[in-house]
C-alpha cells in the first residue's frame, strides 16, 4: 500500500517538470536539437543535427539517441527530452523505418546508411 502511495507522489511531482510543447519525434527522423551551453556567465545554444536511432519512453525520463557522422566517424548522443538544457527540437525530415531501434546504421557507411524519406 505504501509503495502505491509513493508512486503517486512521485508522478505528481514529475508532472510539474514535464515540458508542455514537446514535438512528436519518431525513430528515423532527422532532427536538429538545440542544447543550451553555459560558458562562464554567458549562455548560448549549440545545435546537434542527426538521425534518431533509438527512443525510450518513460514519462519524464524519455530519451532519444541521435547519431551523426562527423569527419567519417559516427557520434551518438543521448538527450533527455524534458531536460531544461534542451532548448528546441526541430524535425527536419522523416523517414520510413520498420524497426524500433536503428542500431544497424552503426555498421553502414556513406550512401548505404541513407533512409527512405516520407512526406507528411
PDB file of N, CA and C in Angstrom:
ATOM      1  N   UNK A   1       0.823  -1.191   0.000  1.00  0.00           N
ATOM      2  CA  UNK A   1       0.000   0.000   0.000  1.00  0.00           C
ATOM      3  C   UNK A   1       0.870   1.258   0.000  1.00  0.00           C
ATOM      4  N   UNK A   2       1.941   1.238   0.789  1.00  0.00           N
ATOM      5  CA  UNK A   2       2.819   2.406   0.878  1.00  0.00           C
ATOM      6  C   UNK A   2       3.534   2.642  -0.444  1.00  0.00           C
ATOM      7  N   UNK A   3       3.850   1.555  -1.166  1.00  0.00           N
ATOM      8  CA  UNK A   3       4.540   1.681  -2.442  1.00  0.00           C
ATOM      9  C   UNK A   3       3.657   2.397  -3.470  1.00  0.00           C
ATOM     10  N   UNK A   4       2.386   2.066  -3.487  1.00  0.00           N
ATOM     11  CA  UNK A   4       1.442   2.706  -4.408  1.00  0.00           C
ATOM     12  C   UNK A   4       1.330   4.198  -4.121  1.00  0.00           C
ATOM     13  N   UNK A   5       1.266   4.549  -2.850  1.00  0.00           N
ATOM     14  CA  UNK A   5       1.183   5.953  -2.454  1.00  0.00           C
ATOM     15  C   UNK A   5       2.450   6.711  -2.864  1.00  0.00           C
ATOM     16  N   UNK A   6       3.595   6.062  -2.720  1.00  0.00           N
ATOM     17  CA  UNK A   6       4.866   6.676  -3.092  1.00  0.00           C
ATOM     18  C   UNK A   6       4.922   6.926  -4.598  1.00  0.00           C
ATOM     19  N   UNK A   7       4.463   5.961  -5.402  1.00  0.00           N
ATOM     20  CA  UNK A   7       4.455   6.116  -6.851  1.00  0.00           C
ATOM     21  C   UNK A   7       3.560   7.277  -7.286  1.00  0.00           C
ATOM     22  N   UNK A   8       2.420   7.413  -6.640  1.00  0.00           N
ATOM     23  CA  UNK A   8       1.513   8.517  -6.979  1.00  0.00           C
ATOM     24  C   UNK A   8       2.151   9.862  -6.635  1.00  0.00           C
ATOM     25  N   UNK A   9       2.843   9.928  -5.514  1.00  0.00           N
ATOM     26  CA  UNK A   9       3.515  11.163  -5.111  1.00  0.00           C
ATOM     27  C   UNK A   9       4.612  11.524  -6.105  1.00  0.00           C
ATOM     28  N   UNK A  10       5.392  10.538  -6.512  1.00  0.00           N
ATOM     29  CA  UNK A  10       6.463  10.780  -7.479  1.00  0.00           C
ATOM     30  C   UNK A  10       5.873  11.256  -8.809  1.00  0.00           C
ATOM     31  N   UNK A  11       4.790  10.639  -9.255  1.00  0.00           N
ATOM     32  CA  UNK A  11       4.151  11.033 -10.513  1.00  0.00           C
ATOM     33  C   UNK A  11       3.645  12.467 -10.454  1.00  0.00           C
ATOM     34  N   UNK A  12       3.078  12.859  -9.314  1.00  0.00           N
ATOM     35  CA  UNK A  12       2.564  14.227  -9.159  1.00  0.00           C
ATOM     36  C   UNK A  12       3.700  15.256  -9.210  1.00  0.00           C
ATOM     37  N   UNK A  13       4.819  14.937  -8.570  1.00  0.00           N
ATOM     38  CA  UNK A  13       5.968  15.853  -8.570  1.00  0.00           C
ATOM     39  C   UNK A  13       6.567  15.949  -9.969  1.00  0.00           C
ATOM     40  N   UNK A  14       6.706  14.807 -10.662  1.00  0.00           N
ATOM     41  CA  UNK A  14       7.268  14.804 -12.010  1.00  0.00           C
ATOM     42  C   UNK A  14       6.406  15.591 -12.989  1.00  0.00           C
ATOM     43  N   UNK A  15       5.103  15.600 -12.796  1.00  0.00           N
ATOM     44  CA  UNK A  15       4.186  16.293 -13.709  1.00  0.00           C
ATOM     45  C   UNK A  15       4.489  17.788 -13.780  1.00  0.00           C
ATOM     46  N   UNK A  16       5.022  18.370 -12.703  1.00  0.00           N
ATOM     47  CA  UNK A  16       5.359  19.795 -12.703  1.00  0.00           C
ATOM     48  C   UNK A  16       6.531  20.109 -13.632  1.00  0.00           C
ATOM     49  N   UNK A  17       7.398  19.126 -13.873  1.00  0.00           N
ATOM     50  CA  UNK A  17       8.610  19.358 -14.648  1.00  0.00           C
ATOM     51  C   UNK A  17       8.500  18.905 -16.098  1.00  0.00           C
ATOM     52  N   UNK A  18       7.384  18.306 -16.487  1.00  0.00           N
ATOM     53  CA  UNK A  18       7.199  17.889 -17.873  1.00  0.00           C
ATOM     54  C   UNK A  18       7.024  19.109 -18.763  1.00  0.00           C
ATOM     55  N   UNK A  19       7.669  19.106 -19.926  1.00  0.00           N
ATOM     56  CA  UNK A  19       7.512  20.206 -20.875  1.00  0.00           C
ATOM     57  C   UNK A  19       6.156  20.081 -21.568  1.00  0.00           C
ATOM     58  N   UNK A  20       5.532  21.223 -21.801  1.00  0.00           N
ATOM     59  CA  UNK A  20       4.222  21.224 -22.454  1.00  0.00           C
ATOM     60  C   UNK A  20       4.364  21.077 -23.970  1.00  0.00           C
ATOM     61  N   UNK A  21       5.329  21.776 -24.551  1.00  0.00           N
ATOM     62  CA  UNK A  21       5.494  21.801 -26.004  1.00  0.00           C
ATOM     63  C   UNK A  21       6.639  20.874 -26.426  1.00  0.00           C
ATOM     64  N   UNK A  22       6.353  19.591 -26.513  1.00  0.00           N
ATOM     65  CA  UNK A  22       7.361  18.634 -26.968  1.00  0.00           C
ATOM     66  C   UNK A  22       6.917  18.129 -28.342  1.00  0.00           C
ATOM     67  N   UNK A  23       7.750  18.293 -29.378  1.00  0.00           N
ATOM     68  CA  UNK A  23       7.346  17.812 -30.704  1.00  0.00           C
ATOM     69  C   UNK A  23       7.303  16.289 -30.733  1.00  0.00           C
ATOM     70  N   UNK A  24       6.432  15.745 -31.572  1.00  0.00           N
ATOM     71  CA  UNK A  24       6.380  14.291 -31.671  1.00  0.00           C
ATOM     72  C   UNK A  24       7.507  13.854 -32.605  1.00  0.00           C
ATOM     73  N   UNK A  25       8.471  13.164 -32.056  1.00  0.00           N
ATOM     74  CA  UNK A  25       9.612  12.671 -32.826  1.00  0.00           C
ATOM     75  C   UNK A  25       9.501  11.156 -32.922  1.00  0.00           C
ATOM     76  N   UNK A  26       9.904  10.630 -34.070  1.00  0.00           N
ATOM     77  CA  UNK A  26       9.838   9.198 -34.317  1.00  0.00           C
ATOM     78  C   UNK A  26      11.232   8.679 -34.650  1.00  0.00           C
ATOM     79  N   UNK A  27      11.373   7.368 -34.608  1.00  0.00           N
ATOM     80  CA  UNK A  27      12.625   6.739 -34.998  1.00  0.00           C
ATOM     81  C   UNK A  27      12.839   7.000 -36.491  1.00  0.00           C
ATOM     82  N   UNK A  28      14.047   7.353 -36.880  1.00  0.00           N
ATOM     83  CA  UNK A  28      14.352   7.607 -38.279  1.00  0.00           C
ATOM     84  C   UNK A  28      14.231   9.066 -38.677  1.00  0.00           C
ATOM     85  N   UNK A  29      13.705   9.912 -37.798  1.00  0.00           N
ATOM     86  CA  UNK A  29      13.603  11.341 -38.096  1.00  0.00           C
ATOM     87  C   UNK A  29      14.981  11.980 -38.070  1.00  0.00           C
ATOM     88  N   UNK A  30      15.186  12.924 -38.965  1.00  0.00           N
ATOM     89  CA  UNK A  30      16.404  13.724 -38.948  1.00  0.00           C
ATOM     90  C   UNK A  30      16.063  14.980 -38.159  1.00  0.00           C
ATOM     91  N   UNK A  31      16.717  15.205 -37.036  1.00  0.00           N
ATOM     92  CA  UNK A  31      16.349  16.296 -36.134  1.00  0.00           C
ATOM     93  C   UNK A  31      17.518  17.240 -35.890  1.00  0.00           C
ATOM     94  N   UNK A  32      17.161  18.438 -35.444  1.00  0.00           N
ATOM     95  CA  UNK A  32      18.138  19.445 -35.039  1.00  0.00           C
ATOM     96  C   UNK A  32      17.794  19.790 -33.591  1.00  0.00           C
ATOM     97  N   UNK A  33      18.660  19.404 -32.674  1.00  0.00           N
ATOM     98  CA  UNK A  33      18.431  19.599 -31.243  1.00  0.00           C
ATOM     99  C   UNK A  33      19.260  20.791 -30.776  1.00  0.00           C
ATOM    100  N   UNK A  34      18.590  21.782 -30.201  1.00  0.00           N
ATOM    101  CA  UNK A  34      19.274  22.947 -29.644  1.00  0.00           C
ATOM    102  C   UNK A  34      19.589  22.706 -28.183  1.00  0.00           C
ATOM    103  N   UNK A  35      20.871  22.682 -27.837  1.00  0.00           N
ATOM    104  CA  UNK A  35      21.314  22.409 -26.467  1.00  0.00           C
ATOM    105  C   UNK A  35      21.878  23.695 -25.872  1.00  0.00           C
ATOM    106  N   UNK A  36      21.390  24.061 -24.681  1.00  0.00           N
ATOM    107  CA  UNK A  36      21.899  25.255 -24.002  1.00  0.00           C
ATOM    108  C   UNK A  36      23.258  24.934 -23.389  1.00  0.00           C
ATOM    109  N   UNK A  37      24.231  25.797 -23.677  1.00  0.00           N
ATOM    110  CA  UNK A  37      25.579  25.628 -23.134  1.00  0.00           C
ATOM    111  C   UNK A  37      25.937  26.884 -22.359  1.00  0.00           C
ATOM    112  N   UNK A  38      26.419  26.717 -21.122  1.00  0.00           N
ATOM    113  CA  UNK A  38      26.792  27.845 -20.280  1.00  0.00           C
ATOM    114  C   UNK A  38      28.317  27.908 -20.226  1.00  0.00           C
ATOM    115  N   UNK A  39      28.859  29.033 -20.676  1.00  0.00           N
ATOM    116  CA  UNK A  39      30.305  29.254 -20.628  1.00  0.00           C
ATOM    117  C   UNK A  39      30.552  30.496 -19.793  1.00  0.00           C
ATOM    118  N   UNK A  40      30.998  30.296 -18.584  1.00  0.00           N
ATOM    119  CA  UNK A  40      31.197  31.423 -17.672  1.00  0.00           C
ATOM    120  C   UNK A  40      29.852  32.016 -17.303  1.00  0.00           C
ATOM    121  N   UNK A  41      29.665  33.290 -17.616  1.00  0.00           N
ATOM    122  CA  UNK A  41      28.386  33.940 -17.324  1.00  0.00           C
ATOM    123  C   UNK A  41      27.491  34.011 -18.552  1.00  0.00           C
ATOM    124  N   UNK A  42      27.998  33.546 -19.700  1.00  0.00           N
ATOM    125  CA  UNK A  42      27.229  33.603 -20.939  1.00  0.00           C
ATOM    126  C   UNK A  42      26.539  32.279 -21.213  1.00  0.00           C
ATOM    127  N   UNK A  43      25.384  32.371 -21.854  1.00  0.00           N
ATOM    128  CA  UNK A  43      24.641  31.179 -22.245  1.00  0.00           C
ATOM    129  C   UNK A  43      24.365  31.254 -23.733  1.00  0.00           C
ATOM    130  N   UNK A  44      24.588  30.124 -24.431  1.00  0.00           N
ATOM    131  CA  UNK A  44      24.315  30.085 -25.865  1.00  0.00           C
ATOM    132  C   UNK A  44      23.682  28.753 -26.217  1.00  0.00           C
ATOM    133  N   UNK A  45      23.150  28.675 -27.433  1.00  0.00           N
ATOM    134  CA  UNK A  45      22.505  27.451 -27.894  1.00  0.00           C
ATOM    135  C   UNK A  45      23.370  26.846 -28.994  1.00  0.00           C
ATOM    136  N   UNK A  46      23.743  25.585 -28.816  1.00  0.00           N
ATOM    137  CA  UNK A  46      24.509  24.872 -29.827  1.00  0.00           C
ATOM    138  C   UNK A  46      23.612  23.782 -30.415  1.00  0.00           C
ATOM    139  N   UNK A  47      23.607  23.677 -31.732  1.00  0.00           N
ATOM    140  CA  UNK A  47      22.729  22.717 -32.392  1.00  0.00           C
ATOM    141  C   UNK A  47      23.461  21.424 -32.695  1.00  0.00           C
ATOM    142  N   UNK A  48      22.749  20.324 -32.518  1.00  0.00           N
ATOM    143  CA  UNK A  48      23.266  18.986 -32.789  1.00  0.00           C
ATOM    144  C   UNK A  48      22.291  18.353 -33.772  1.00  0.00           C
ATOM    145  N   UNK A  49      22.758  18.047 -34.975  1.00  0.00           N
ATOM    146  CA  UNK A  49      21.879  17.559 -36.033  1.00  0.00           C
ATOM    147  C   UNK A  49      22.226  16.124 -36.379  1.00  0.00           C
ATOM    148  N   UNK A  50      21.209  15.258 -36.421  1.00  0.00           N
ATOM    149  CA  UNK A  50      21.448  13.866 -36.756  1.00  0.00           C
ATOM    150  C   UNK A  50      20.153  13.082 -36.846  1.00  0.00           C
ATOM    151  N   UNK A  51      20.289  11.771 -36.944  1.00  0.00           N
ATOM    152  CA  UNK A  51      19.161  10.867 -37.094  1.00  0.00           C
ATOM    153  C   UNK A  51      18.852  10.195 -35.766  1.00  0.00           C
ATOM    154  N   UNK A  52      17.569  10.103 -35.435  1.00  0.00           N
ATOM    155  CA  UNK A  52      17.160   9.410 -34.206  1.00  0.00           C
ATOM    156  C   UNK A  52      17.231   7.911 -34.472  1.00  0.00           C
ATOM    157  N   UNK A  53      18.084   7.214 -33.714  1.00  0.00           N
ATOM    158  CA  UNK A  53      18.218   5.768 -33.904  1.00  0.00           C
ATOM    159  C   UNK A  53      17.550   4.978 -32.777  1.00  0.00           C
ATOM    160  N   UNK A  54      17.204   5.647 -31.672  1.00  0.00           N
ATOM    161  CA  UNK A  54      16.541   4.947 -30.572  1.00  0.00           C
ATOM    162  C   UNK A  54      15.725   5.941 -29.765  1.00  0.00           C
ATOM    163  N   UNK A  55      14.659   5.436 -29.155  1.00  0.00           N
ATOM    164  CA  UNK A  55      13.810   6.259 -28.296  1.00  0.00           C
ATOM    165  C   UNK A  55      13.352   5.398 -27.131  1.00  0.00           C
ATOM    166  N   UNK A  56      13.411   5.976 -25.933  1.00  0.00           N
ATOM    167  CA  UNK A  56      12.966   5.267 -24.732  1.00  0.00           C
ATOM    168  C   UNK A  56      11.917   6.135 -24.060  1.00  0.00           C
ATOM    169  N   UNK A  57      10.718   5.604 -23.890  1.00  0.00           N
ATOM    170  CA  UNK A  57       9.623   6.359 -23.285  1.00  0.00           C
ATOM    171  C   UNK A  57       9.418   5.944 -21.839  1.00  0.00           C
ATOM    172  N   UNK A  58       9.532   6.890 -20.925  1.00  0.00           N
ATOM    173  CA  UNK A  58       9.170   6.634 -19.525  1.00  0.00           C
ATOM    174  C   UNK A  58       8.916   7.981 -18.861  1.00  0.00           C
ATOM    175  N   UNK A  59       7.822   8.604 -19.226  1.00  0.00           N
ATOM    176  CA  UNK A  59       7.348   9.905 -18.735  1.00  0.00           C
ATOM    177  C   UNK A  59       8.450  10.961 -18.740  1.00  0.00           C
ATOM    178  N   UNK A  60       8.931  11.371 -17.585  1.00  0.00           N
ATOM    179  CA  UNK A  60       9.908  12.466 -17.526  1.00  0.00           C
ATOM    180  C   UNK A  60      11.293  12.022 -17.985  1.00  0.00           C
ATOM    181  N   UNK A  61      11.551  10.727 -17.971  1.00  0.00           N
ATOM    182  CA  UNK A  61      12.860  10.203 -18.374  1.00  0.00           C
ATOM    183  C   UNK A  61      12.904   9.782 -19.832  1.00  0.00           C
ATOM    184  N   UNK A  62      12.034  10.322 -20.677  1.00  0.00           N
ATOM    185  CA  UNK A  62      12.022   9.991 -22.098  1.00  0.00           C
ATOM    186  C   UNK A  62      13.309  10.473 -22.750  1.00  0.00           C
ATOM    187  N   UNK A  63      13.986   9.565 -23.445  1.00  0.00           N
ATOM    188  CA  UNK A  63      15.252   9.916 -24.088  1.00  0.00           C
ATOM    189  C   UNK A  63      15.205   9.564 -25.567  1.00  0.00           C
ATOM    190  N   UNK A  64      16.021  10.294 -26.344  1.00  0.00           N
ATOM    191  CA  UNK A  64      16.247   9.947 -27.738  1.00  0.00           C
ATOM    192  C   UNK A  64      17.755   9.852 -27.949  1.00  0.00           C
ATOM    193  N   UNK A  65      18.168   8.911 -28.788  1.00  0.00           N
ATOM    194  CA  UNK A  65      19.569   8.774 -29.152  1.00  0.00           C
ATOM    195  C   UNK A  65      19.726   9.303 -30.564  1.00  0.00           C
ATOM    196  N   UNK A  66      20.560  10.323 -30.728  1.00  0.00           N
ATOM    197  CA  UNK A  66      20.761  10.971 -32.028  1.00  0.00           C
ATOM    198  C   UNK A  66      22.165  10.639 -32.520  1.00  0.00           C
ATOM    199  N   UNK A  67      22.244  10.187 -33.767  1.00  0.00           N
ATOM    200  CA  UNK A  67      23.524   9.794 -34.359  1.00  0.00           C
ATOM    201  C   UNK A  67      23.838  10.709 -35.528  1.00  0.00           C
ATOM    202  N   UNK A  68      25.073  11.205 -35.556  1.00  0.00           N
ATOM    203  CA  UNK A  68      25.533  11.993 -36.705  1.00  0.00           C
ATOM    204  C   UNK A  68      26.922  11.521 -37.094  1.00  0.00           C
ATOM    205  N   UNK A  69      27.284  11.804 -38.339  1.00  0.00           N
ATOM    206  CA  UNK A  69      28.594  11.445 -38.839  1.00  0.00           C
ATOM    207  C   UNK A  69      29.427  12.717 -38.920  1.00  0.00           C
ATOM    208  N   UNK A  70      30.569  12.738 -38.249  1.00  0.00           N
ATOM    209  CA  UNK A  70      31.442  13.902 -38.241  1.00  0.00           C
ATOM    210  C   UNK A  70      32.835  13.461 -38.684  1.00  0.00           C
ATOM    211  N   UNK A  71      33.259  13.934 -39.846  1.00  0.00           N
ATOM    212  CA  UNK A  71      34.558  13.602 -40.421  1.00  0.00           C
ATOM    213  C   UNK A  71      34.766  12.090 -40.537  1.00  0.00           C
ATOM    214  N   UNK A  72      33.708  11.399 -40.958  1.00  0.00           N
ATOM    215  CA  UNK A  72      33.791   9.958 -41.177  1.00  0.00           C
ATOM    216  C   UNK A  72      33.654   9.109 -39.930  1.00  0.00           C
ATOM    217  N   UNK A  73      33.428   9.727 -38.782  1.00  0.00           N
ATOM    218  CA  UNK A  73      33.281   8.990 -37.527  1.00  0.00           C
ATOM    219  C   UNK A  73      31.868   9.207 -37.004  1.00  0.00           C
ATOM    220  N   UNK A  74      31.199   8.125 -36.614  1.00  0.00           N
ATOM    221  CA  UNK A  74      29.846   8.220 -36.079  1.00  0.00           C
ATOM    222  C   UNK A  74      29.861   8.645 -34.626  1.00  0.00           C
ATOM    223  N   UNK A  75      29.033   9.648 -34.307  1.00  0.00           N
ATOM    224  CA  UNK A  75      28.930  10.148 -32.941  1.00  0.00           C
ATOM    225  C   UNK A  75      27.479  10.035 -32.508  1.00  0.00           C
ATOM    226  N   UNK A  76      27.255   9.426 -31.351  1.00  0.00           N
ATOM    227  CA  UNK A  76      25.905   9.296 -30.824  1.00  0.00           C
ATOM    228  C   UNK A  76      25.804  10.046 -29.514  1.00  0.00           C
ATOM    229  N   UNK A  77      24.654  10.676 -29.310  1.00  0.00           N
ATOM    230  CA  UNK A  77      24.428  11.417 -28.081  1.00  0.00           C
ATOM    231  C   UNK A  77      23.006  11.162 -27.623  1.00  0.00           C
ATOM    232  N   UNK A  78      22.833  10.967 -26.325  1.00  0.00           N
ATOM    233  CA  UNK A  78      21.517  10.701 -25.749  1.00  0.00           C
ATOM    234  C   UNK A  78      21.006  11.984 -25.107  1.00  0.00           C
ATOM    235  N   UNK A  79      19.775  12.357 -25.449  1.00  0.00           N
ATOM    236  CA  UNK A  79      19.157  13.574 -24.922  1.00  0.00           C
ATOM    237  C   UNK A  79      17.919  13.233 -24.116  1.00  0.00           C
ATOM    238  N   UNK A  80      17.802  13.854 -22.945  1.00  0.00           N
ATOM    239  CA  UNK A  80      16.557  13.801 -22.171  1.00  0.00           C
ATOM    240  C   UNK A  80      15.625  14.855 -22.767  1.00  0.00           C
ATOM    241  N   UNK A  81      14.486  14.449 -23.268  1.00  0.00           N
ATOM    242  CA  UNK A  81      13.595  15.388 -23.964  1.00  0.00           C
ATOM    243  C   UNK A  81      13.077  16.477 -23.025  1.00  0.00           C
ATOM    244  N   UNK A  82      12.776  16.137 -21.784  1.00  0.00           N
ATOM    245  CA  UNK A  82      12.186  17.096 -20.845  1.00  0.00           C
ATOM    246  C   UNK A  82      13.227  17.870 -20.043  1.00  0.00           C
ATOM    247  N   UNK A  83      14.508  17.747 -20.390  1.00  0.00           N
ATOM    248  CA  UNK A  83      15.563  18.450 -19.673  1.00  0.00           C
ATOM    249  C   UNK A  83      15.496  19.950 -19.934  1.00  0.00           C
ATOM    250  N   UNK A  84      15.774  20.781 -18.916  1.00  0.00           N
ATOM    251  CA  UNK A  84      15.806  22.226 -19.143  1.00  0.00           C
ATOM    252  C   UNK A  84      16.969  22.657 -20.035  1.00  0.00           C
ATOM    253  N   UNK A  85      17.959  21.794 -20.235  1.00  0.00           N
ATOM    254  CA  UNK A  85      19.092  22.131 -21.110  1.00  0.00           C
ATOM    255  C   UNK A  85      18.739  22.016 -22.589  1.00  0.00           C
ATOM    256  N   UNK A  86      17.637  21.351 -22.910  1.00  0.00           N
ATOM    257  CA  UNK A  86      17.196  21.233 -24.295  1.00  0.00           C
ATOM    258  C   UNK A  86      16.345  22.449 -24.623  1.00  0.00           C
ATOM    259  N   UNK A  87      16.828  23.267 -25.567  1.00  0.00           N
ATOM    260  CA  UNK A  87      16.128  24.490 -25.946  1.00  0.00           C
ATOM    261  C   UNK A  87      15.039  24.199 -26.969  1.00  0.00           C
ATOM    262  N   UNK A  88      15.369  23.419 -27.993  1.00  0.00           N
ATOM    263  CA  UNK A  88      14.389  23.132 -29.036  1.00  0.00           C
ATOM    264  C   UNK A  88      14.741  21.825 -29.727  1.00  0.00           C
ATOM    265  N   UNK A  89      13.710  21.203 -30.302  1.00  0.00           N
ATOM    266  CA  UNK A  89      13.889  20.020 -31.140  1.00  0.00           C
ATOM    267  C   UNK A  89      13.078  20.268 -32.403  1.00  0.00           C
ATOM    268  N   UNK A  90      13.761  20.312 -33.540  1.00  0.00           N
ATOM    269  CA  UNK A  90      13.102  20.580 -34.816  1.00  0.00           C
ATOM    270  C   UNK A  90      13.269  19.355 -35.701  1.00  0.00           C
ATOM    271  N   UNK A  91      12.151  18.837 -36.226  1.00  0.00           N
ATOM    272  CA  UNK A  91      12.204  17.694 -37.137  1.00  0.00           C
ATOM    273  C   UNK A  91      12.450  18.234 -38.543  1.00  0.00           C
ATOM    274  N   UNK A  92      13.589  17.876 -39.126  1.00  0.00           N
ATOM    275  CA  UNK A  92      13.940  18.343 -40.460  1.00  0.00           C
ATOM    276  C   UNK A  92      13.298  17.481 -41.539  1.00  0.00           C
ATOM    277  N   UNK A  93      13.344  16.156 -41.354  1.00  0.00           N
ATOM    278  CA  UNK A  93      12.682  15.253 -42.288  1.00  0.00           C
ATOM    279  C   UNK A  93      12.405  13.932 -41.603  1.00  0.00           C
ATOM    280  N   UNK A  94      11.417  13.221 -42.110  1.00  0.00           N
ATOM    281  CA  UNK A  94      11.035  11.927 -41.556  1.00  0.00           C
ATOM    282  C   UNK A  94      11.393  10.825 -42.540  1.00  0.00           C
ATOM    283  N   UNK A  95      11.610   9.644 -42.009  1.00  0.00           N
ATOM    284  CA  UNK A  95      11.967   8.501 -42.846  1.00  0.00           C
ATOM    285  C   UNK A  95      11.081   7.318 -42.504  1.00  0.00           C
ATOM    286  N   UNK A  96      10.923   6.438 -43.499  1.00  0.00           N
ATOM    287  CA  UNK A  96      10.144   5.231 -43.293  1.00  0.00           C
ATOM    288  C   UNK A  96      11.075   4.161 -42.726  1.00  0.00           C
ATOM    289  N   UNK A  97      10.766   3.669 -41.546  1.00  0.00           N
ATOM    290  CA  UNK A  97      11.572   2.617 -40.928  1.00  0.00           C
ATOM    291  C   UNK A  97      10.658   1.503 -40.458  1.00  0.00           C
ATOM    292  N   UNK A  98      11.216   0.297 -40.345  1.00  0.00           N
ATOM    293  CA  UNK A  98      10.435  -0.860 -39.919  1.00  0.00           C
ATOM    294  C   UNK A  98      10.996  -1.473 -38.649  1.00  0.00           C
ATOM    295  N   UNK A  99      11.815  -0.716 -37.940  1.00  0.00           N
ATOM    296  CA  UNK A  99      12.426  -1.187 -36.696  1.00  0.00           C
ATOM    297  C   UNK A  99      12.229  -0.127 -35.623  1.00  0.00           C
ATOM    298  N   UNK A 100      12.292  -0.540 -34.372  1.00  0.00           N
ATOM    299  CA  UNK A 100      12.173   0.414 -33.271  1.00  0.00           C
ATOM    300  C   UNK A 100      13.534   0.934 -32.841  1.00  0.00           C
ATOM    301  N   UNK A 101      14.599   0.210 -33.175  1.00  0.00           N
ATOM    302  CA  UNK A 101      15.968   0.646 -32.889  1.00  0.00           C
ATOM    303  C   UNK A 101      16.778   0.495 -34.179  1.00  0.00           C
ATOM    304  N   UNK A 102      17.472   1.540 -34.577  1.00  0.00           N
ATOM    305  CA  UNK A 102      18.220   1.521 -35.829  1.00  0.00           C
ATOM    306  C   UNK A 102      19.721   1.339 -35.594  1.00  0.00           C
ATOM    307  N   UNK A 103      20.062   0.401 -34.705  1.00  0.00           N
ATOM    308  CA  UNK A 103      21.463   0.189 -34.372  1.00  0.00           C
ATOM    309  C   UNK A 103      22.260  -0.363 -35.556  1.00  0.00           C
ATOM    310  N   UNK A 104      21.573  -0.936 -36.555  1.00  0.00           N
ATOM    311  CA  UNK A 104      22.275  -1.463 -37.714  1.00  0.00           C
ATOM    312  C   UNK A 104      22.954  -0.353 -38.522  1.00  0.00           C
ATOM    313  N   UNK A 105      22.548   0.902 -38.335  1.00  0.00           N
ATOM    314  CA  UNK A 105      23.177   2.021 -39.047  1.00  0.00           C
ATOM    315  C   UNK A 105      24.631   2.214 -38.623  1.00  0.00           C
ATOM    316  N   UNK A 106      25.007   1.685 -37.464  1.00  0.00           N
ATOM    317  CA  UNK A 106      26.377   1.814 -36.977  1.00  0.00           C
ATOM    318  C   UNK A 106      27.366   1.108 -37.899  1.00  0.00           C
ATOM    319  N   UNK A 107      26.923   0.047 -38.559  1.00  0.00           N
ATOM    320  CA  UNK A 107      27.816  -0.738 -39.419  1.00  0.00           C
ATOM    321  C   UNK A 107      27.892  -0.183 -40.838  1.00  0.00           C
ATOM    322  N   UNK A 108      26.928   0.672 -41.224  1.00  0.00           N
ATOM    323  CA  UNK A 108      26.850   1.152 -42.597  1.00  0.00           C
ATOM    324  C   UNK A 108      27.600   2.462 -42.775  1.00  0.00           C
ATOM    325  N   UNK A 109      28.098   2.683 -44.001  1.00  0.00           N
ATOM    326  CA  UNK A 109      28.836   3.904 -44.299  1.00  0.00           C
ATOM    327  C   UNK A 109      28.292   4.540 -45.570  1.00  0.00           C
ATOM    328  N   UNK A 110      28.440   5.838 -45.676  1.00  0.00           N
ATOM    329  CA  UNK A 110      28.113   6.559 -46.903  1.00  0.00           C
ATOM    330  C   UNK A 110      26.663   6.448 -47.316  1.00  0.00           C
ATOM    331  N   UNK A 111      26.454   6.185 -48.614  1.00  0.00           N
ATOM    332  CA  UNK A 111      25.099   6.150 -49.154  1.00  0.00           C
ATOM    333  C   UNK A 111      24.293   4.966 -48.629  1.00  0.00           C
ATOM    334  N   UNK A 112      24.962   3.928 -48.171  1.00  0.00           N
ATOM    335  CA  UNK A 112      24.270   2.746 -47.658  1.00  0.00           C
ATOM    336  C   UNK A 112      23.482   3.075 -46.388  1.00  0.00           C
ATOM    337  N   UNK A 113      23.881   4.127 -45.675  1.00  0.00           N
ATOM    338  CA  UNK A 113      23.224   4.453 -44.409  1.00  0.00           C
ATOM    339  C   UNK A 113      22.035   5.393 -44.593  1.00  0.00           C
ATOM    340  N   UNK A 114      21.656   5.682 -45.854  1.00  0.00           N
ATOM    341  CA  UNK A 114      20.506   6.562 -46.077  1.00  0.00           C
ATOM    342  C   UNK A 114      19.208   5.832 -45.782  1.00  0.00           C
ATOM    343  N   UNK A 115      18.205   6.590 -45.333  1.00  0.00           N
ATOM    344  CA  UNK A 115      16.880   6.054 -45.073  1.00  0.00           C
ATOM    345  C   UNK A 115      15.899   6.645 -46.067  1.00  0.00           C
ATOM    346  N   UNK A 116      14.859   5.877 -46.416  1.00  0.00           N
ATOM    347  CA  UNK A 116      13.868   6.353 -47.380  1.00  0.00           C
ATOM    348  C   UNK A 116      12.999   7.412 -46.741  1.00  0.00           C
ATOM    349  N   UNK A 117      12.933   8.585 -47.366  1.00  0.00           N
ATOM    350  CA  UNK A 117      12.203   9.729 -46.797  1.00  0.00           C
ATOM    351  C   UNK A 117      10.705   9.579 -47.009  1.00  0.00           C
ATOM    352  N   UNK A 118       9.922  10.008 -46.004  1.00  0.00           N
ATOM    353  CA  UNK A 118       8.469  10.069 -46.131  1.00  0.00           C
ATOM    354  C   UNK A 118       8.031  11.514 -46.080  1.00  0.00           C
ATOM    355  N   UNK A 119       6.949  11.811 -46.763  1.00  0.00           N
ATOM    356  CA  UNK A 119       6.415  13.183 -46.784  1.00  0.00           C
ATOM    357  C   UNK A 119       5.070  13.183 -46.100  1.00  0.00           C
ATOM    358  N   UNK A 120       4.876  14.163 -45.213  1.00  0.00           N
ATOM    359  CA  UNK A 120       3.621  14.212 -44.457  1.00  0.00           C
ATOM    360  C   UNK A 120       2.647  15.160 -45.095  1.00  0.00           C
TER     361      UNK A 120
END
